[in-house]
């Protein structure tokens, strides 16, 4: 029985080592948008004290950081002017590739009752209705932007 325990432990530890890979929060994923012309923070987890390399496709720059004793790491990457799509590769020996990364303006809005007005009720400067889309200004010209995500409100029992 002792021999079976040792063999099981060997396979268990071996499979844990093989599956080790950089872990990212869900906000770091394919199709994400990073703020343009800034030092954008990126963070995650790896094995403790492991070296992590991040490569950005817009400038081919490599950022090398080391995870701390708990495996946590963070860095900032320099972002260009608005554009894309780009890729970001993050590796601690096993690569994670983030595809279709766009660079642009990132706005996070929240509020109270004044945030309930839906975009379809807005009108542009010519009083034409805007239906299910935002307007974005690029190089001084109005351009279509991504669609709107409507988050339904609700009440949570405390």
Protein backbone atom coordinates (compact mmCIF):
# COMPACT_ATOMS: atom_id res chain seq x y z
CA UNK A 1 0.00 0.00 0.00
CA UNK A 2 2.88 2.35 0.74
CA UNK A 3 4.19 1.75 -2.79
CA UNK A 4 0.78 2.71 -4.30
CA UNK A 5 0.73 5.88 -2.21
CA UNK A 6 4.18 6.93 -3.46
CA UNK A 7 3.21 6.25 -7.10
CA UNK A 8 -0.05 8.20 -6.70
CA UNK A 9 1.78 11.10 -5.09
CA UNK A 10 4.34 11.11 -7.92
CA UNK A 11 1.61 11.36 -10.58
CA UNK A 12 -0.34 13.95 -8.62
CA UNK A 13 2.67 16.24 -8.21
CA UNK A 14 3.79 15.63 -11.80
CA UNK A 15 0.41 16.61 -13.20
CA UNK A 16 0.31 19.75 -11.02
CA UNK A 17 3.70 20.79 -12.41
CA UNK A 18 2.59 20.16 -15.99
CA UNK A 19 -0.54 22.25 -15.58
CA UNK A 20 1.28 25.22 -14.04
CA UNK A 21 0.64 28.30 -16.17
CA UNK A 22 0.13 32.01 -15.75
CA UNK A 23 -3.30 32.81 -14.28
CA UNK A 24 -5.04 36.04 -15.28
CA UNK A 25 -8.19 37.71 -14.05
CA UNK A 26 -11.13 37.57 -16.49
CA UNK A 27 -10.61 41.26 -17.40
CA UNK A 28 -7.43 40.17 -19.20
CA UNK A 29 -8.78 38.18 -22.13
CA UNK A 30 -9.17 38.06 -25.89
CA UNK A 31 -11.06 41.07 -27.31
CA UNK A 32 -10.15 43.40 -24.43
CA UNK A 33 -9.43 47.12 -24.78
CA UNK A 34 -6.48 48.86 -23.10
CA UNK A 35 -6.27 52.61 -22.55
CA UNK A 36 -4.20 54.34 -25.23
CA UNK A 37 -0.97 56.27 -24.60
CA UNK A 38 -0.47 55.24 -20.99
CA UNK A 39 1.28 52.74 -18.76
CA UNK A 40 -1.46 50.07 -18.61
CA UNK A 41 -1.24 47.72 -15.62
CA UNK A 42 -1.30 43.96 -16.16
CA UNK A 43 -1.17 41.49 -13.28
CA UNK A 44 -1.72 37.86 -12.47
CA UNK A 45 -0.39 34.79 -10.71
CA UNK A 46 2.24 32.19 -11.47
CA UNK A 47 4.38 29.82 -9.49
CA UNK A 48 6.18 31.52 -6.58
CA UNK A 49 9.37 33.36 -7.58
CA UNK A 50 8.87 32.41 -11.24
CA UNK A 51 10.06 34.73 -14.03
CA UNK A 52 7.19 36.02 -16.19
CA UNK A 53 7.67 37.52 -19.66
CA UNK A 54 5.11 39.73 -21.38
CA UNK A 55 5.49 40.60 -25.07
CA UNK A 56 3.28 43.21 -26.74
CA UNK A 57 2.82 42.95 -30.52
CA UNK A 58 2.41 46.70 -31.13
CA UNK A 59 6.07 47.35 -30.30
CA UNK A 60 7.52 43.83 -29.81
CA UNK A 61 8.76 44.97 -26.40
CA UNK A 62 9.44 42.33 -23.73
CA UNK A 63 8.67 43.06 -20.10
CA UNK A 64 10.26 40.68 -17.60
CA UNK A 65 9.10 40.50 -14.00
CA UNK A 66 9.41 37.99 -11.21
CA UNK A 67 6.51 36.64 -9.21
CA UNK A 68 6.72 37.16 -5.45
CA UNK A 69 6.76 34.40 -2.81
CA UNK A 70 2.95 34.01 -3.18
CA UNK A 71 3.19 33.82 -6.99
CA UNK A 72 1.67 37.28 -7.59
CA UNK A 73 3.18 39.59 -10.21
CA UNK A 74 2.31 42.89 -11.85
CA UNK A 75 3.80 45.32 -14.33
CA UNK A 76 2.80 48.18 -16.61
CA UNK A 77 3.05 48.14 -20.40
CA UNK A 78 3.38 51.24 -22.58
CA UNK A 79 0.43 51.48 -24.97
CA UNK A 80 0.44 53.27 -28.34
CA UNK A 81 -2.21 55.53 -29.88
CA UNK A 82 -5.59 53.96 -30.62
CA UNK A 83 -5.43 50.98 -32.95
CA UNK A 84 -5.35 47.24 -33.23
CA UNK A 85 -5.98 44.41 -33.25
CA UNK A 86 -2.86 43.38 -31.35
CA UNK A 87 -1.68 40.39 -29.31
CA UNK A 88 -0.16 40.13 -25.86
CA UNK A 89 1.81 37.01 -24.96
CA UNK A 90 2.39 36.21 -21.29
CA UNK A 91 4.65 33.32 -20.36
CA UNK A 92 6.22 31.72 -17.33
CA UNK A 93 7.41 28.84 -19.50
CA UNK A 94 3.90 28.10 -20.76
CA UNK A 95 2.46 30.78 -23.06
CA UNK A 96 -0.91 32.48 -22.73
CA UNK A 97 -1.82 34.55 -25.80
CA UNK A 98 -4.38 37.34 -25.63
CA UNK A 99 -5.69 38.01 -29.16
CA UNK A 100 -7.63 40.85 -30.77
CA UNK A 101 -6.49 43.35 -28.13
CA UNK A 102 -7.57 46.85 -29.08
CA UNK A 103 -6.03 50.11 -27.87
CA UNK A 104 -8.30 53.10 -27.37
CA UNK A 105 -10.36 54.97 -24.82
CA UNK A 106 -11.60 52.99 -21.83
CA UNK A 107 -14.39 54.56 -19.82
CA UNK A 108 -16.04 52.88 -16.87
CA UNK A 109 -19.31 54.49 -15.86
CA UNK A 110 -21.51 53.90 -12.90
CA UNK A 111 -24.10 55.90 -11.10
CA UNK A 112 -27.58 56.08 -9.78
CA UNK A 113 -30.89 56.97 -11.40
CA UNK A 114 -29.20 59.40 -13.77
CA UNK A 115 -27.51 56.40 -15.44
CA UNK A 116 -30.82 54.79 -16.46
CA UNK A 117 -31.30 56.74 -19.69
CA UNK A 118 -30.74 54.33 -22.53
CA UNK A 119 -28.50 55.30 -25.43
CA UNK A 120 -31.35 54.82 -27.94
CA UNK A 121 -32.98 57.91 -26.39
CA UNK A 122 -29.93 60.09 -27.08
CA UNK A 123 -29.71 62.26 -30.17
CA UNK A 124 -26.60 63.54 -31.94
CA UNK A 125 -25.88 67.17 -32.89
CA UNK A 126 -28.16 66.88 -35.99
CA UNK A 127 -31.05 65.53 -33.83
CA UNK A 128 -30.87 62.14 -35.53
CA UNK A 129 -31.55 59.16 -33.32
CA UNK A 130 -28.62 56.97 -32.32
CA UNK A 131 -29.80 53.37 -32.18
CA UNK A 132 -27.89 50.79 -30.14
CA UNK A 133 -24.46 52.28 -30.60
CA UNK A 134 -22.13 54.84 -29.13
CA UNK A 135 -20.37 57.57 -31.00
CA UNK A 136 -16.65 57.89 -30.71
CA UNK A 137 -14.42 60.71 -31.93
CA UNK A 138 -11.30 59.57 -33.77
CA UNK A 139 -8.93 62.18 -35.14
CA UNK A 140 -11.62 64.84 -34.83
CA UNK A 141 -14.22 62.83 -36.79
CA UNK A 142 -17.24 60.96 -35.47
CA UNK A 143 -16.97 57.19 -35.97
CA UNK A 144 -19.12 54.24 -34.95
CA UNK A 145 -18.00 52.57 -31.76
CA UNK A 146 -18.74 49.27 -30.10
CA UNK A 147 -22.27 48.30 -29.08
CA UNK A 148 -23.77 49.02 -25.72
CA UNK A 149 -24.01 46.48 -22.94
CA UNK A 150 -27.18 47.01 -20.95
CA UNK A 151 -26.89 45.70 -17.41
CA UNK A 152 -30.32 45.03 -15.93
CA UNK A 153 -30.83 46.53 -12.53
CA UNK A 154 -31.99 44.50 -9.61
CA UNK A 155 -32.29 44.54 -5.87
CA UNK A 156 -30.26 42.29 -3.62
CA UNK A 157 -31.55 41.16 -0.25
CA UNK A 158 -29.19 42.03 2.59
